[in-house]
Amino acid sequence: MHAEECRQLARKTAPGEHRDQLLNMAQTWEALATERDREIKIHSAIEADAKQREE
């Protein structure tokens, strides 16, 4: 997972701008993953509804 890789790198990086950027990247990856999961659920529900209407 990209977020975990960013966190691992941040743990090995001295406090400062680079570490903060890595932690920010981890948060961004987490947000993107959450949004992707939400979109998949929405599209799955739309597909299921469309299939029901076809029957």
Protein backbone atom coordinates (compact mmCIF):
# COMPACT_ATOMS: atom_id res chain seq x y z
CA MET A 1 0.00 0.00 0.00
CA HIS A 2 1.39 3.39 -0.97
CA ALA A 3 0.32 5.12 2.24
CA GLU A 4 2.17 2.60 4.38
CA GLU A 5 5.31 2.99 2.28
CA CYS A 6 5.18 6.75 2.82
CA ARG A 7 4.78 6.25 6.57
CA GLN A 8 7.70 3.82 6.68
CA LEU A 9 9.90 6.30 4.85
CA ALA A 10 8.75 9.09 7.15
CA ARG A 11 9.77 7.04 10.20
CA LYS A 12 13.28 6.81 8.76
CA THR A 13 13.43 10.51 7.89
CA ALA A 14 14.55 13.24 10.25
CA PRO A 15 11.86 15.66 11.41
CA GLY A 16 11.38 18.48 8.98
CA GLU A 17 9.92 19.36 5.60
CA HIS A 18 10.67 16.04 3.86
CA ARG A 19 9.14 14.01 6.67
CA ASP A 20 6.08 16.27 6.71
CA GLN A 21 5.70 15.83 2.96
CA LEU A 22 5.87 12.04 3.29
CA LEU A 23 3.21 12.08 6.02
CA ASN A 24 1.05 14.37 3.88
CA MET A 25 1.46 11.98 0.96
CA ALA A 26 0.37 9.08 3.19
CA GLN A 27 -2.79 11.00 4.15
CA THR A 28 -3.46 11.76 0.49
CA TRP A 29 -3.09 8.08 -0.48
CA GLU A 30 -5.50 7.13 2.33
CA ALA A 31 -8.04 9.70 1.16
CA LEU A 32 -7.76 8.46 -2.42
CA ALA A 33 -8.26 4.85 -1.32
CA THR A 34 -11.33 5.82 0.71
CA GLU A 35 -12.77 7.75 -2.23
CA ARG A 36 -12.10 4.82 -4.58
CA ASP A 37 -13.90 2.42 -2.23
CA ARG A 38 -16.86 4.80 -2.06
CA GLU A 39 -17.00 5.09 -5.85
CA ILE A 40 -16.85 1.31 -6.27
CA LYS A 41 -19.79 0.89 -3.88
CA ILE A 42 -21.80 3.51 -5.74
CA HIS A 43 -21.12 1.95 -9.14
CA SER A 44 -21.84 -1.55 -7.84
CA ALA A 45 -25.19 -0.38 -6.53
CA ILE A 46 -25.99 1.30 -9.86
CA GLU A 47 -25.06 -1.87 -11.75
CA ALA A 48 -27.18 -4.04 -9.46
CA ASP A 49 -30.13 -1.69 -9.89
CA ALA A 50 -29.73 -1.72 -13.68
CA LYS A 51 -29.62 -5.55 -13.74
CA GLN A 52 -32.79 -5.72 -11.62
CA ARG A 53 -34.58 -3.42 -14.05
CA GLU A 54 -33.55 -5.66 -16.96
CA GLU A 55 -35.17 -8.70 -15.34
